[in-house]
Amino acid sequence: MRLFNPQSRLRGQGIVEFALVLPIFLLLTLGTVELGWLVYSNHTLTNATREGARFAMVHGERSGDVANATTVNEVVVDRAGHLGGNIDSTLVSFSPDAEPGSEVTVQSTYDYQPLVGMMVGVDPMTLTSETTVIVQY
């Protein structure tokens, strides 16, 4: 009678290989998801800033409903979707004023907290978006 069964040794080998490959697979999968969330958040912030700048562009001195920092910030937060409540600051500046032909700059910042970073303790990354357009009305 044999003391070692060849079939049980092969099953043990599969478990060891799985234990070696699983962390690498999870790292690649979670890294891909994390990068996707980062790119999505950056794109959402950029789009919200563009929408805020567009709002300021069409609501100049001659429009009758002049845009100010508060109304532009409301547009940015509204267009930011799930990021809206967490946007740290939105700076709106007209150069020199809100007359047609002047420039308006909208700058927004957002602290992106990585999903994996919550478990490991990674600091948030600051995403910034700035859009400059010319006032039309």
N, C-alpha and C. Protein backbone atom coordinates (compact mmCIF):
# COMPACT_ATOMS: atom_id res chain seq x y z
N MET A 1 0.83 -1.17 0.00
CA MET A 1 0.00 0.00 0.00
C MET A 1 0.88 1.25 0.00
N ARG A 2 0.52 2.24 -0.84
CA ARG A 2 1.30 3.47 -0.92
C ARG A 2 0.80 4.48 0.10
N LEU A 3 1.74 5.22 0.69
CA LEU A 3 1.39 6.22 1.69
C LEU A 3 0.91 7.51 1.04
N PHE A 4 1.41 7.86 -0.13
CA PHE A 4 1.04 9.12 -0.79
C PHE A 4 0.26 8.83 -2.06
N ASN A 5 -0.87 9.49 -2.19
CA ASN A 5 -1.70 9.35 -3.36
C ASN A 5 -1.33 10.46 -4.35
N PRO A 6 -0.95 10.15 -5.59
CA PRO A 6 -0.56 11.18 -6.56
C PRO A 6 -1.68 12.20 -6.83
N GLN A 7 -2.93 11.80 -6.75
CA GLN A 7 -4.05 12.73 -7.00
C GLN A 7 -4.11 13.83 -5.95
N SER A 8 -3.85 13.50 -4.69
CA SER A 8 -3.92 14.52 -3.63
C SER A 8 -2.77 15.52 -3.78
N ARG A 9 -1.65 15.09 -4.28
CA ARG A 9 -0.53 16.01 -4.49
C ARG A 9 -0.86 17.01 -5.58
N LEU A 10 -1.56 16.59 -6.62
CA LEU A 10 -1.91 17.50 -7.71
C LEU A 10 -2.93 18.55 -7.24
N ARG A 11 -3.88 18.13 -6.39
CA ARG A 11 -4.85 19.09 -5.86
C ARG A 11 -4.15 20.14 -5.02
N GLY A 12 -3.19 19.75 -4.24
CA GLY A 12 -2.45 20.69 -3.43
C GLY A 12 -1.65 21.66 -4.27
N GLN A 13 -1.14 21.21 -5.40
CA GLN A 13 -0.39 22.07 -6.29
C GLN A 13 -1.29 23.15 -6.87
N GLY A 14 -2.50 22.82 -7.24
CA GLY A 14 -3.45 23.79 -7.78
C GLY A 14 -3.79 24.86 -6.76
N ILE A 15 -3.94 24.50 -5.51
CA ILE A 15 -4.26 25.48 -4.47
C ILE A 15 -3.09 26.44 -4.26
N VAL A 16 -1.88 25.92 -4.29
CA VAL A 16 -0.70 26.77 -4.12
C VAL A 16 -0.57 27.74 -5.30
N GLU A 17 -0.78 27.26 -6.51
CA GLU A 17 -0.71 28.14 -7.68
C GLU A 17 -1.79 29.21 -7.62
N PHE A 18 -2.98 28.84 -7.22
CA PHE A 18 -4.07 29.81 -7.08
C PHE A 18 -3.72 30.86 -6.04
N ALA A 19 -3.15 30.45 -4.94
CA ALA A 19 -2.77 31.40 -3.88
C ALA A 19 -1.67 32.35 -4.35
N LEU A 20 -0.81 31.92 -5.25
CA LEU A 20 0.24 32.78 -5.78
C LEU A 20 -0.28 33.75 -6.84
N VAL A 21 -1.24 33.32 -7.64
CA VAL A 21 -1.73 34.13 -8.75
C VAL A 21 -2.84 35.09 -8.32
N LEU A 22 -3.63 34.73 -7.32
CA LEU A 22 -4.79 35.54 -6.91
C LEU A 22 -4.41 36.98 -6.52
N PRO A 23 -3.39 37.23 -5.70
CA PRO A 23 -3.07 38.62 -5.36
C PRO A 23 -2.70 39.47 -6.57
N ILE A 24 -1.97 38.89 -7.51
CA ILE A 24 -1.58 39.62 -8.71
C ILE A 24 -2.81 39.94 -9.55
N PHE A 25 -3.70 38.98 -9.70
CA PHE A 25 -4.94 39.19 -10.45
C PHE A 25 -5.80 40.27 -9.80
N LEU A 26 -5.96 40.22 -8.50
CA LEU A 26 -6.76 41.23 -7.80
C LEU A 26 -6.12 42.62 -7.91
N LEU A 27 -4.81 42.68 -7.82
CA LEU A 27 -4.11 43.96 -7.95
C LEU A 27 -4.35 44.58 -9.32
N LEU A 28 -4.25 43.78 -10.37
CA LEU A 28 -4.49 44.29 -11.72
C LEU A 28 -5.95 44.70 -11.91
N THR A 29 -6.87 43.91 -11.39
CA THR A 29 -8.29 44.22 -11.54
C THR A 29 -8.66 45.49 -10.78
N LEU A 30 -8.27 45.59 -9.52
CA LEU A 30 -8.59 46.77 -8.73
C LEU A 30 -7.88 48.01 -9.26
N GLY A 31 -6.67 47.86 -9.77
CA GLY A 31 -5.96 48.98 -10.36
C GLY A 31 -6.67 49.51 -11.60
N THR A 32 -7.21 48.61 -12.41
CA THR A 32 -7.95 49.01 -13.59
C THR A 32 -9.23 49.75 -13.22
N VAL A 33 -9.94 49.24 -12.23
CA VAL A 33 -11.16 49.90 -11.75
C VAL A 33 -10.83 51.27 -11.17
N GLU A 34 -9.78 51.34 -10.39
CA GLU A 34 -9.38 52.61 -9.77
C GLU A 34 -9.01 53.65 -10.83
N LEU A 35 -8.25 53.25 -11.82
CA LEU A 35 -7.88 54.16 -12.90
C LEU A 35 -9.12 54.62 -13.67
N GLY A 36 -10.06 53.73 -13.88
CA GLY A 36 -11.31 54.10 -14.55
C GLY A 36 -12.08 55.15 -13.77
N TRP A 37 -12.18 54.99 -12.44
CA TRP A 37 -12.88 55.97 -11.60
C TRP A 37 -12.16 57.32 -11.62
N LEU A 38 -10.84 57.28 -11.63
CA LEU A 38 -10.07 58.52 -11.67
C LEU A 38 -10.31 59.28 -12.97
N VAL A 39 -10.25 58.58 -14.10
CA VAL A 39 -10.48 59.21 -15.39
C VAL A 39 -11.91 59.72 -15.48
N TYR A 40 -12.87 58.95 -15.00
CA TYR A 40 -14.28 59.37 -15.01
C TYR A 40 -14.47 60.63 -14.17
N SER A 41 -13.89 60.67 -12.99
CA SER A 41 -14.02 61.84 -12.12
C SER A 41 -13.38 63.07 -12.75
N ASN A 42 -12.22 62.90 -13.37
CA ASN A 42 -11.55 64.02 -14.04
C ASN A 42 -12.38 64.53 -15.20
N HIS A 43 -12.94 63.63 -15.98
CA HIS A 43 -13.78 64.01 -17.11
C HIS A 43 -15.05 64.73 -16.63
N THR A 44 -15.67 64.24 -15.58
CA THR A 44 -16.88 64.86 -15.04
C THR A 44 -16.58 66.26 -14.53
N LEU A 45 -15.46 66.44 -13.83
CA LEU A 45 -15.08 67.76 -13.33
C LEU A 45 -14.81 68.73 -14.48
N THR A 46 -14.12 68.26 -15.51
CA THR A 46 -13.83 69.10 -16.67
C THR A 46 -15.11 69.52 -17.37
N ASN A 47 -16.02 68.59 -17.54
CA ASN A 47 -17.29 68.91 -18.19
C ASN A 47 -18.10 69.90 -17.36
N ALA A 48 -18.14 69.74 -16.05
CA ALA A 48 -18.88 70.66 -15.19
C ALA A 48 -18.29 72.07 -15.26
N THR A 49 -16.96 72.16 -15.30
CA THR A 49 -16.31 73.46 -15.40
C THR A 49 -16.62 74.11 -16.75
N ARG A 50 -16.62 73.33 -17.80
CA ARG A 50 -16.98 73.87 -19.13
C ARG A 50 -18.41 74.38 -19.15
N GLU A 51 -19.32 73.62 -18.54
CA GLU A 51 -20.72 74.06 -18.50
C GLU A 51 -20.87 75.34 -17.69
N GLY A 52 -20.13 75.47 -16.60
CA GLY A 52 -20.17 76.70 -15.82
C GLY A 52 -19.65 77.88 -16.61
N ALA A 53 -18.56 77.67 -17.36
CA ALA A 53 -18.00 78.74 -18.19
C ALA A 53 -18.96 79.11 -19.31
N ARG A 54 -19.62 78.13 -19.88
CA ARG A 54 -20.60 78.42 -20.93
C ARG A 54 -21.76 79.24 -20.36
N PHE A 55 -22.22 78.88 -19.16
CA PHE A 55 -23.29 79.63 -18.52
C PHE A 55 -22.87 81.09 -18.32
N ALA A 56 -21.66 81.31 -17.85
CA ALA A 56 -21.16 82.67 -17.64
C ALA A 56 -20.99 83.40 -18.97
N MET A 57 -20.62 82.65 -20.01
CA MET A 57 -20.41 83.25 -21.32
C MET A 57 -21.70 83.82 -21.90
N VAL A 58 -22.81 83.13 -21.74
CA VAL A 58 -24.07 83.58 -22.33
C VAL A 58 -24.90 84.44 -21.36
N HIS A 59 -24.41 84.65 -20.15
CA HIS A 59 -25.11 85.50 -19.18
C HIS A 59 -24.22 86.68 -18.80
N GLY A 60 -23.82 87.45 -19.81
CA GLY A 60 -23.01 88.65 -19.59
C GLY A 60 -23.89 89.85 -19.27
N GLU A 61 -23.29 91.03 -19.32
CA GLU A 61 -23.97 92.28 -18.96
C GLU A 61 -25.21 92.54 -19.83
N ARG A 62 -25.18 92.17 -21.08
CA ARG A 62 -26.29 92.49 -22.00
C ARG A 62 -27.38 91.43 -22.02
N SER A 63 -27.22 90.36 -21.26
CA SER A 63 -28.21 89.29 -21.29
C SER A 63 -29.42 89.58 -20.41
N GLY A 64 -29.30 90.50 -19.47
CA GLY A 64 -30.39 90.79 -18.56
C GLY A 64 -30.33 89.98 -17.29
N ASP A 65 -29.69 88.83 -17.33
CA ASP A 65 -29.53 87.97 -16.15
C ASP A 65 -28.04 87.70 -16.00
N VAL A 66 -27.32 88.62 -15.37
CA VAL A 66 -25.86 88.57 -15.31
C VAL A 66 -25.41 87.44 -14.38
N ALA A 67 -24.47 86.65 -14.87
CA ALA A 67 -23.91 85.56 -14.07
C ALA A 67 -22.96 86.13 -13.02
N ASN A 68 -22.96 85.49 -11.86
CA ASN A 68 -21.99 85.84 -10.82
C ASN A 68 -21.40 84.54 -10.29
N ALA A 69 -20.51 84.65 -9.33
CA ALA A 69 -19.81 83.46 -8.82
C ALA A 69 -20.80 82.44 -8.24
N THR A 70 -21.84 82.91 -7.58
CA THR A 70 -22.80 82.00 -6.95
C THR A 70 -23.59 81.21 -7.99
N THR A 71 -24.09 81.90 -9.02
CA THR A 71 -24.89 81.19 -10.02
C THR A 71 -24.03 80.25 -10.85
N VAL A 72 -22.80 80.64 -11.16
CA VAL A 72 -21.91 79.76 -11.91
C VAL A 72 -21.55 78.54 -11.06
N ASN A 73 -21.31 78.74 -9.78
CA ASN A 73 -21.00 77.62 -8.88
C ASN A 73 -22.17 76.65 -8.82
N GLU A 74 -23.40 77.15 -8.80
CA GLU A 74 -24.58 76.27 -8.79
C GLU A 74 -24.64 75.42 -10.05
N VAL A 75 -24.30 76.03 -11.20
CA VAL A 75 -24.29 75.28 -12.46
C VAL A 75 -23.22 74.20 -12.43
N VAL A 76 -22.04 74.54 -11.94
CA VAL A 76 -20.93 73.57 -11.87
C VAL A 76 -21.31 72.40 -10.97
N VAL A 77 -21.86 72.69 -9.80
CA VAL A 77 -22.25 71.63 -8.87
C VAL A 77 -23.35 70.76 -9.47
N ASP A 78 -24.31 71.39 -10.14
CA ASP A 78 -25.40 70.64 -10.75
C ASP A 78 -24.90 69.72 -11.85
N ARG A 79 -23.98 70.21 -12.67
CA ARG A 79 -23.46 69.40 -13.79
C ARG A 79 -22.44 68.36 -13.34
N ALA A 80 -21.92 68.48 -12.14
CA ALA A 80 -20.89 67.56 -11.67
C ALA A 80 -21.47 66.22 -11.24
N GLY A 81 -22.77 66.10 -11.15
CA GLY A 81 -23.39 64.83 -10.79
C GLY A 81 -22.98 64.37 -9.41
N HIS A 82 -22.46 63.15 -9.32
CA HIS A 82 -22.09 62.59 -8.01
C HIS A 82 -20.92 63.33 -7.36
N LEU A 83 -20.14 64.08 -8.13
CA LEU A 83 -19.04 64.85 -7.55
C LEU A 83 -19.52 66.16 -6.95
N GLY A 84 -20.70 66.61 -7.32
CA GLY A 84 -21.19 67.94 -7.01
C GLY A 84 -21.04 68.37 -5.57
N GLY A 85 -21.44 67.54 -4.63
CA GLY A 85 -21.37 67.93 -3.23
C GLY A 85 -19.96 67.97 -2.69
N ASN A 86 -19.00 67.41 -3.42
CA ASN A 86 -17.63 67.32 -2.92
C ASN A 86 -16.66 68.25 -3.64
N ILE A 87 -17.16 69.10 -4.54
CA ILE A 87 -16.27 70.04 -5.21
C ILE A 87 -15.83 71.07 -4.19
N ASP A 88 -14.52 71.20 -4.04
CA ASP A 88 -13.97 72.05 -2.99
C ASP A 88 -14.15 73.53 -3.27
N SER A 89 -13.82 73.96 -4.47
CA SER A 89 -13.94 75.39 -4.77
C SER A 89 -14.17 75.59 -6.25
N THR A 90 -14.90 76.64 -6.54
CA THR A 90 -15.09 77.07 -7.91
C THR A 90 -14.82 78.56 -7.94
N LEU A 91 -13.77 78.96 -8.63
CA LEU A 91 -13.40 80.36 -8.75
C LEU A 91 -13.88 80.88 -10.10
N VAL A 92 -14.57 82.01 -10.08
CA VAL A 92 -15.07 82.64 -11.30
C VAL A 92 -14.48 84.03 -11.38
N SER A 93 -13.82 84.35 -12.49
CA SER A 93 -13.25 85.70 -12.64
C SER A 93 -13.53 86.22 -14.04
N PHE A 94 -14.03 87.45 -14.09
CA PHE A 94 -14.25 88.16 -15.35
C PHE A 94 -13.09 89.11 -15.55
N SER A 95 -12.57 89.17 -16.78
CA SER A 95 -11.44 90.06 -17.04
C SER A 95 -11.74 90.90 -18.26
N PRO A 96 -11.94 92.17 -18.20
CA PRO A 96 -11.98 93.04 -17.03
C PRO A 96 -13.35 93.08 -16.36
N ASP A 97 -14.44 92.79 -17.13
CA ASP A 97 -15.78 92.82 -16.55
C ASP A 97 -16.64 91.81 -17.29
N ALA A 98 -17.95 91.87 -17.11
CA ALA A 98 -18.85 90.90 -17.75
C ALA A 98 -19.41 91.41 -19.08
N GLU A 99 -18.80 92.43 -19.66
CA GLU A 99 -19.22 92.95 -20.97
C GLU A 99 -18.83 91.96 -22.07
N PRO A 100 -19.59 91.92 -23.18
CA PRO A 100 -19.20 91.06 -24.30
C PRO A 100 -17.78 91.39 -24.78
N GLY A 101 -17.04 90.37 -25.06
CA GLY A 101 -15.64 90.52 -25.48
C GLY A 101 -14.65 90.30 -24.34
N SER A 102 -15.14 90.33 -23.10
CA SER A 102 -14.27 90.08 -21.95
C SER A 102 -14.10 88.58 -21.76
N GLU A 103 -13.06 88.22 -21.03
CA GLU A 103 -12.82 86.81 -20.74
C GLU A 103 -13.43 86.44 -19.39
N VAL A 104 -13.94 85.23 -19.32
CA VAL A 104 -14.39 84.68 -18.04
C VAL A 104 -13.66 83.36 -17.84
N THR A 105 -13.11 83.18 -16.65
CA THR A 105 -12.38 81.97 -16.30
C THR A 105 -13.08 81.29 -15.14
N VAL A 106 -13.33 80.00 -15.30
CA VAL A 106 -13.94 79.19 -14.24
C VAL A 106 -12.95 78.09 -13.89
N GLN A 107 -12.59 78.01 -12.61
CA GLN A 107 -11.65 76.99 -12.15
C GLN A 107 -12.27 76.23 -10.99
N SER A 108 -12.28 74.91 -11.09
CA SER A 108 -12.85 74.06 -10.05
C SER A 108 -11.82 73.04 -9.59
N THR A 109 -11.88 72.70 -8.31
CA THR A 109 -11.00 71.66 -7.75
C THR A 109 -11.85 70.63 -7.02
N TYR A 110 -11.35 69.41 -7.04
CA TYR A 110 -12.04 68.28 -6.41
C TYR A 110 -10.98 67.36 -5.81
N ASP A 111 -11.17 66.97 -4.56
CA ASP A 111 -10.27 66.01 -3.92
C ASP A 111 -10.78 64.60 -4.18
N TYR A 112 -10.05 63.86 -5.03
CA TYR A 112 -10.41 62.50 -5.38
C TYR A 112 -9.81 61.54 -4.36
N GLN A 113 -10.66 60.82 -3.66
CA GLN A 113 -10.20 59.82 -2.69
C GLN A 113 -10.21 58.46 -3.36
N PRO A 114 -9.04 57.86 -3.59
CA PRO A 114 -9.01 56.54 -4.23
C PRO A 114 -9.77 55.50 -3.41
N LEU A 115 -10.46 54.62 -4.11
CA LEU A 115 -11.23 53.57 -3.42
C LEU A 115 -10.32 52.66 -2.62
N VAL A 116 -9.22 52.26 -3.21
CA VAL A 116 -8.26 51.41 -2.51
C VAL A 116 -7.58 52.20 -1.41
N GLY A 117 -7.43 53.50 -1.61
CA GLY A 117 -6.79 54.35 -0.63
C GLY A 117 -7.53 54.42 0.68
N MET A 118 -8.86 54.22 0.65
CA MET A 118 -9.62 54.22 1.90
C MET A 118 -9.21 53.05 2.78
N MET A 119 -8.85 51.93 2.15
CA MET A 119 -8.45 50.75 2.93
C MET A 119 -7.00 50.84 3.37
N VAL A 120 -6.15 51.42 2.52
CA VAL A 120 -4.72 51.44 2.79
C VAL A 120 -4.28 52.73 3.46
N GLY A 121 -5.05 53.81 3.30
CA GLY A 121 -4.71 55.08 3.91
C GLY A 121 -3.96 56.02 2.99
N VAL A 122 -4.29 56.02 1.70
CA VAL A 122 -3.65 56.90 0.74
C VAL A 122 -4.34 58.26 0.79
N ASP A 123 -3.57 59.34 0.73
CA ASP A 123 -4.13 60.69 0.75
C ASP A 123 -4.91 60.96 -0.54
N PRO A 124 -5.91 61.85 -0.46
CA PRO A 124 -6.66 62.21 -1.67
C PRO A 124 -5.79 62.93 -2.69
N MET A 125 -6.16 62.81 -3.96
CA MET A 125 -5.49 63.53 -5.05
C MET A 125 -6.37 64.70 -5.45
N THR A 126 -5.77 65.85 -5.68
CA THR A 126 -6.54 67.03 -6.07
C THR A 126 -6.61 67.11 -7.59
N LEU A 127 -7.84 67.08 -8.11
CA LEU A 127 -8.07 67.24 -9.53
C LEU A 127 -8.47 68.69 -9.77
N THR A 128 -7.93 69.32 -10.79
CA THR A 128 -8.22 70.71 -11.09
C THR A 128 -8.61 70.85 -12.56
N SER A 129 -9.60 71.69 -12.80
CA SER A 129 -10.02 71.96 -14.17
C SER A 129 -10.24 73.46 -14.31
N GLU A 130 -9.75 74.02 -15.41
CA GLU A 130 -9.90 75.46 -15.66
C GLU A 130 -10.33 75.67 -17.10
N THR A 131 -11.34 76.52 -17.27
CA THR A 131 -11.86 76.84 -18.60
C THR A 131 -11.96 78.34 -18.75
N THR A 132 -11.46 78.86 -19.86
CA THR A 132 -11.55 80.28 -20.15
C THR A 132 -12.27 80.47 -21.48
N VAL A 133 -13.30 81.31 -21.47
CA VAL A 133 -14.07 81.61 -22.68
C VAL A 133 -14.30 83.12 -22.76
N ILE A 134 -14.83 83.57 -23.88
CA ILE A 134 -15.11 84.99 -24.09
C ILE A 134 -16.61 85.21 -23.93
N VAL A 135 -16.98 86.23 -23.17
CA VAL A 135 -18.39 86.56 -22.93
C VAL A 135 -19.02 86.99 -24.26
N GLN A 136 -20.19 86.43 -24.56
CA GLN A 136 -20.85 86.69 -25.84
C GLN A 136 -22.00 87.68 -25.74
N TYR A 137 -22.73 87.72 -24.62
CA TYR A 137 -23.92 88.57 -24.52
C TYR A 137 -23.80 89.52 -23.36
